[in-house]
Structures are given as C-alpha cells and as structure tokens.
Amino acid sequence: MEKKDYNLNNVKEEFNKFEKFAFKNRMIEMAVAFIIGVAFQKTVTSLSDNLIMPFLNFFVAKTGNNWRTIQWEPLEGMNFELGKFMGNFLDFLLISLILYIVYVKIIKAVLVKDNSINFKLCPYCSNKIAIDATRCGECTSWLENNE
C-alpha cells in the first residue's frame, strides 16, 4: 500500500474539495430541509401525544388505564410494549398523511402550474424543454419557433 504524502498543497486541495461539496446550494437546502423536517416531526408528535391520544384514550380505555402503557409478556423476560408501538405507528400515519396533503395536493399543484408556464414538450421525444429553446437537450432535434 502506497503512503500518501500530506503537504500543505494537498491539505489545501482537500479543503477546497470539501468546501465545494459542503457549501453547494443543494447541500445547504438539504440541511435546511432536514432541520425543518425534524421540527415538523416534533410538532406532529406533540399533536399526537397531547391532543389526539388523550382524546382516543378517553374512549378506548374504559378501565381507566392509559392504553400507551399496554404490554404483552408471552414469556418471562420477553416484553412487547404494544402501547408505545401503537403510538409511534399513529405518529407515522399522521406524518405521512400531512406530508401527502402538503406535497401532493399543495406543492405539486403549484409546481405543475409554474412548470407549464416555463416549459413545453419537445414534439419529437416529448421531454420537457424551455419555451425559448431552439434545440432539444435530450434528442438534440432542432425546434421551430412556434409562437
């Protein structure tokens, strides 16, 4: 195995590569989206824990016990916490439903509306191209400017 010599130029080169990678717009956008996603997950979990679960617990748990503490122990030392699983599963369903509504019904509708204004379909390969394009980037066909 060959040993690489790390001099000052190699370190600067590696730092420049890292800087290009870490501070691209896409990377920063992804970091912001991740932070917003974590905050969104906390909000939905709080909605589930503090508003929906107490309401369901009032109707489901006629015995007065909290259904989130339901456990099943089929064998000594083998403990399945069914209540926690049901709560986490409800959190998952709520997050999935809200994300579906926000993305598919709201964001995607806005994107489709905006993209239809700025793009047209290539008459040869049916790919999306800019309205003012003179040549398709996919099939490289020359396009006539049809106003």
C-alpha atoms as a PDB file:
ATOM      1  CA  MET A   1       0.000   0.000   0.000  1.00  0.00           C
ATOM      2  CA  GLU A   2       1.350   3.373  -1.048  1.00  0.00           C
ATOM      3  CA  LYS A   3       1.653   6.046   1.621  1.00  0.00           C
ATOM      4  CA  LYS A   4       0.363   9.472   0.542  1.00  0.00           C
ATOM      5  CA  ASP A   5       2.434  12.496   1.482  1.00  0.00           C
ATOM      6  CA  TYR A   6       0.267  15.201   3.054  1.00  0.00           C
ATOM      7  CA  ASN A   7       1.921  18.530   2.459  1.00  0.00           C
ATOM      8  CA  LEU A   8       0.302  21.958   2.647  1.00  0.00           C
ATOM      9  CA  ASN A   9      -0.823  21.904  -1.001  1.00  0.00           C
ATOM     10  CA  ASN A  10      -2.590  18.555  -0.573  1.00  0.00           C
ATOM     11  CA  VAL A  11      -4.361  19.802   2.553  1.00  0.00           C
ATOM     12  CA  LYS A  12      -5.496  22.976   0.761  1.00  0.00           C
ATOM     13  CA  GLU A  13      -6.693  20.912  -2.202  1.00  0.00           C
ATOM     14  CA  GLU A  14      -8.692  18.592   0.050  1.00  0.00           C
ATOM     15  CA  PHE A  15     -10.153  21.574   1.927  1.00  0.00           C
ATOM     16  CA  ASN A  16     -11.206  23.173  -1.383  1.00  0.00           C
ATOM     17  CA  LYS A  17     -12.905  19.925  -2.431  1.00  0.00           C
ATOM     18  CA  PHE A  18     -14.701  19.774   0.916  1.00  0.00           C
ATOM     19  CA  GLU A  19     -15.735  23.433   0.644  1.00  0.00           C
ATOM     20  CA  LYS A  20     -17.187  22.877  -2.841  1.00  0.00           C
ATOM     21  CA  PHE A  21     -19.073  19.843  -1.560  1.00  0.00           C
ATOM     22  CA  ALA A  22     -20.335  21.255   1.744  1.00  0.00           C
ATOM     23  CA  PHE A  23     -21.367  24.699   0.627  1.00  0.00           C
ATOM     24  CA  LYS A  24     -23.166  23.979  -2.602  1.00  0.00           C
ATOM     25  CA  ASN A  25     -26.697  25.354  -2.717  1.00  0.00           C
ATOM     26  CA  ARG A  26     -28.190  21.860  -2.835  1.00  0.00           C
ATOM     27  CA  MET A  27     -26.332  20.788   0.295  1.00  0.00           C
ATOM     28  CA  ILE A  28     -27.442  23.852   2.235  1.00  0.00           C
ATOM     29  CA  GLU A  29     -31.014  23.402   1.006  1.00  0.00           C
ATOM     30  CA  MET A  30     -30.919  19.785   2.144  1.00  0.00           C
ATOM     31  CA  ALA A  31     -29.641  20.800   5.590  1.00  0.00           C
ATOM     32  CA  VAL A  32     -32.409  23.378   5.953  1.00  0.00           C
ATOM     33  CA  ALA A  33     -34.990  20.824   4.789  1.00  0.00           C
ATOM     34  CA  PHE A  34     -33.682  18.315   7.332  1.00  0.00           C
ATOM     35  CA  ILE A  35     -33.947  20.849  10.173  1.00  0.00           C
ATOM     36  CA  ILE A  36     -37.472  21.796   9.113  1.00  0.00           C
ATOM     37  CA  GLY A  37     -38.337  18.089   8.866  1.00  0.00           C
ATOM     38  CA  VAL A  38     -37.153  17.460  12.428  1.00  0.00           C
ATOM     39  CA  ALA A  39     -39.193  20.409  13.696  1.00  0.00           C
ATOM     40  CA  PHE A  40     -42.198  19.157  11.715  1.00  0.00           C
ATOM     41  CA  GLN A  41     -41.811  15.673  13.202  1.00  0.00           C
ATOM     42  CA  LYS A  42     -41.705  17.122  16.728  1.00  0.00           C
ATOM     43  CA  THR A  43     -44.830  19.158  16.028  1.00  0.00           C
ATOM     44  CA  VAL A  44     -46.765  16.178  14.690  1.00  0.00           C
ATOM     45  CA  THR A  45     -45.602  14.000  17.599  1.00  0.00           C
ATOM     46  CA  SER A  46     -46.779  16.686  20.009  1.00  0.00           C
ATOM     47  CA  LEU A  47     -50.115  16.849  18.181  1.00  0.00           C
ATOM     48  CA  SER A  48     -50.408  13.091  18.529  1.00  0.00           C
ATOM     49  CA  ASP A  49     -49.270  12.896  22.165  1.00  0.00           C
ATOM     50  CA  ASN A  50     -51.072  15.933  23.542  1.00  0.00           C
ATOM     51  CA  LEU A  51     -54.267  16.265  21.520  1.00  0.00           C
ATOM     52  CA  ILE A  52     -55.206  13.099  19.652  1.00  0.00           C
ATOM     53  CA  MET A  53     -54.027  10.409  22.079  1.00  0.00           C
ATOM     54  CA  PRO A  54     -55.805  11.803  25.161  1.00  0.00           C
ATOM     55  CA  PHE A  55     -58.993  12.057  23.109  1.00  0.00           C
ATOM     56  CA  LEU A  56     -58.649   8.443  21.903  1.00  0.00           C
ATOM     57  CA  ASN A  57     -57.620   7.265  25.357  1.00  0.00           C
ATOM     58  CA  PHE A  58     -60.827   8.707  26.797  1.00  0.00           C
ATOM     59  CA  PHE A  59     -62.930   6.484  24.525  1.00  0.00           C
ATOM     60  CA  VAL A  60     -60.679   3.414  24.230  1.00  0.00           C
ATOM     61  CA  ALA A  61     -59.507   2.875  27.795  1.00  0.00           C
ATOM     62  CA  LYS A  62     -62.707   2.179  29.705  1.00  0.00           C
ATOM     63  CA  THR A  63     -60.673   0.675  32.561  1.00  0.00           C
ATOM     64  CA  GLY A  64     -59.016   3.990  33.381  1.00  0.00           C
ATOM     65  CA  ASN A  65     -55.562   2.799  32.299  1.00  0.00           C
ATOM     66  CA  ASN A  66     -53.558   4.557  29.637  1.00  0.00           C
ATOM     67  CA  TRP A  67     -53.510   2.364  26.532  1.00  0.00           C
ATOM     68  CA  ARG A  68     -49.982   3.592  25.720  1.00  0.00           C
ATOM     69  CA  THR A  69     -48.672   1.505  28.609  1.00  0.00           C
ATOM     70  CA  ILE A  70     -50.153  -1.761  27.298  1.00  0.00           C
ATOM     71  CA  GLN A  71     -47.533  -4.507  27.422  1.00  0.00           C
ATOM     72  CA  TRP A  72     -47.596  -8.151  26.419  1.00  0.00           C
ATOM     73  CA  GLU A  73     -45.230 -10.601  28.086  1.00  0.00           C
ATOM     74  CA  PRO A  74     -45.639 -14.038  26.451  1.00  0.00           C
ATOM     75  CA  LEU A  75     -42.530 -15.428  28.178  1.00  0.00           C
ATOM     76  CA  GLU A  76     -40.555 -14.427  31.227  1.00  0.00           C
ATOM     77  CA  GLY A  77     -38.271 -11.552  30.226  1.00  0.00           C
ATOM     78  CA  MET A  78     -39.825 -11.105  26.767  1.00  0.00           C
ATOM     79  CA  ASN A  79     -41.769  -7.859  26.890  1.00  0.00           C
ATOM     80  CA  PHE A  80     -43.587  -6.321  23.924  1.00  0.00           C
ATOM     81  CA  GLU A  81     -44.636  -2.709  24.506  1.00  0.00           C
ATOM     82  CA  LEU A  82     -47.707  -2.619  22.291  1.00  0.00           C
ATOM     83  CA  GLY A  83     -48.919   0.759  23.520  1.00  0.00           C
ATOM     84  CA  LYS A  84     -45.712   2.539  22.526  1.00  0.00           C
ATOM     85  CA  PHE A  85     -45.763   0.801  19.154  1.00  0.00           C
ATOM     86  CA  MET A  86     -49.363   1.885  18.515  1.00  0.00           C
ATOM     87  CA  GLY A  87     -48.483   5.469  19.468  1.00  0.00           C
ATOM     88  CA  ASN A  88     -45.444   5.537  17.184  1.00  0.00           C
ATOM     89  CA  PHE A  89     -47.460   3.968  14.387  1.00  0.00           C
ATOM     90  CA  LEU A  90     -50.112   6.667  14.778  1.00  0.00           C
ATOM     91  CA  ASP A  91     -47.339   9.294  14.634  1.00  0.00           C
ATOM     92  CA  PHE A  92     -46.118   7.715  11.387  1.00  0.00           C
ATOM     93  CA  LEU A  93     -49.626   7.722   9.908  1.00  0.00           C
ATOM     94  CA  LEU A  94     -50.184  11.359  10.855  1.00  0.00           C
ATOM     95  CA  ILE A  95     -46.823  12.485   9.452  1.00  0.00           C
ATOM     96  CA  SER A  96     -47.419  10.518   6.242  1.00  0.00           C
ATOM     97  CA  LEU A  97     -50.921  11.942   5.821  1.00  0.00           C
ATOM     98  CA  ILE A  98     -49.846  15.533   6.446  1.00  0.00           C
ATOM     99  CA  LEU A  99     -46.839  15.213   4.119  1.00  0.00           C
ATOM    100  CA  TYR A 100     -49.073  13.700   1.438  1.00  0.00           C
ATOM    101  CA  ILE A 101     -51.543  16.551   1.720  1.00  0.00           C
ATOM    102  CA  VAL A 102     -48.847  19.226   1.739  1.00  0.00           C
ATOM    103  CA  TYR A 103     -46.747  17.760  -1.075  1.00  0.00           C
ATOM    104  CA  VAL A 104     -49.202  16.142  -3.462  1.00  0.00           C
ATOM    105  CA  LYS A 105     -52.140  18.470  -3.063  1.00  0.00           C
ATOM    106  CA  ILE A 106     -50.410  21.823  -2.500  1.00  0.00           C
ATOM    107  CA  ILE A 107     -46.754  21.901  -3.558  1.00  0.00           C
ATOM    108  CA  LYS A 108     -47.071  19.637  -6.592  1.00  0.00           C
ATOM    109  CA  ALA A 109     -50.064  21.612  -7.871  1.00  0.00           C
ATOM    110  CA  VAL A 110     -48.067  24.846  -7.629  1.00  0.00           C
ATOM    111  CA  LEU A 111     -45.018  23.271  -9.318  1.00  0.00           C
ATOM    112  CA  VAL A 112     -47.092  21.873 -12.175  1.00  0.00           C
ATOM    113  CA  LYS A 113     -48.713  25.259 -12.707  1.00  0.00           C
ATOM    114  CA  ASP A 114     -45.335  27.058 -12.699  1.00  0.00           C
ATOM    115  CA  ASN A 115     -43.616  24.475 -14.918  1.00  0.00           C
ATOM    116  CA  SER A 116     -46.370  24.579 -17.506  1.00  0.00           C
ATOM    117  CA  ILE A 117     -45.706  28.287 -17.953  1.00  0.00           C
ATOM    118  CA  ASN A 118     -41.932  27.977 -18.364  1.00  0.00           C
ATOM    119  CA  PHE A 119     -41.715  24.727 -20.323  1.00  0.00           C
ATOM    120  CA  LYS A 120     -43.124  22.989 -23.376  1.00  0.00           C
ATOM    121  CA  LEU A 121     -42.837  19.448 -24.709  1.00  0.00           C
ATOM    122  CA  CYS A 122     -40.426  18.503 -27.465  1.00  0.00           C
ATOM    123  CA  PRO A 123     -42.507  17.386 -30.483  1.00  0.00           C
ATOM    124  CA  TYR A 124     -40.002  14.611 -31.245  1.00  0.00           C
ATOM    125  CA  CYS A 125     -39.237  12.965 -27.884  1.00  0.00           C
ATOM    126  CA  SER A 126     -41.889  14.536 -25.590  1.00  0.00           C
ATOM    127  CA  ASN A 127     -39.358  15.690 -22.975  1.00  0.00           C
ATOM    128  CA  LYS A 128     -39.824  18.958 -21.133  1.00  0.00           C
ATOM    129  CA  ILE A 129     -37.801  21.833 -22.611  1.00  0.00           C
ATOM    130  CA  ALA A 130     -37.663  25.595 -22.051  1.00  0.00           C
ATOM    131  CA  ILE A 131     -40.163  27.637 -24.029  1.00  0.00           C
ATOM    132  CA  ASP A 132     -37.465  29.619 -25.829  1.00  0.00           C
ATOM    133  CA  ALA A 133     -35.284  26.572 -26.616  1.00  0.00           C
ATOM    134  CA  THR A 134     -34.171  26.159 -30.215  1.00  0.00           C
ATOM    135  CA  ARG A 135     -32.848  22.626 -29.775  1.00  0.00           C
ATOM    136  CA  CYS A 136     -33.934  19.744 -27.523  1.00  0.00           C
ATOM    137  CA  GLY A 137     -31.329  18.804 -24.938  1.00  0.00           C
ATOM    138  CA  GLU A 138     -32.418  15.162 -24.913  1.00  0.00           C
ATOM    139  CA  CYS A 139     -32.888  14.145 -28.547  1.00  0.00           C
ATOM    140  CA  THR A 140     -30.921  17.140 -29.980  1.00  0.00           C
ATOM    141  CA  SER A 141     -33.624  17.861 -32.561  1.00  0.00           C
ATOM    142  CA  TRP A 142     -33.824  21.393 -33.910  1.00  0.00           C
ATOM    143  CA  LEU A 143     -37.070  23.061 -32.944  1.00  0.00           C
ATOM    144  CA  GLU A 144     -39.110  25.512 -34.948  1.00  0.00           C
ATOM    145  CA  ASN A 145     -40.117  28.645 -33.065  1.00  0.00           C
ATOM    146  CA  ASN A 146     -43.879  28.300 -32.999  1.00  0.00           C
ATOM    147  CA  GLU A 147     -45.268  31.324 -31.245  1.00  0.00           C
END
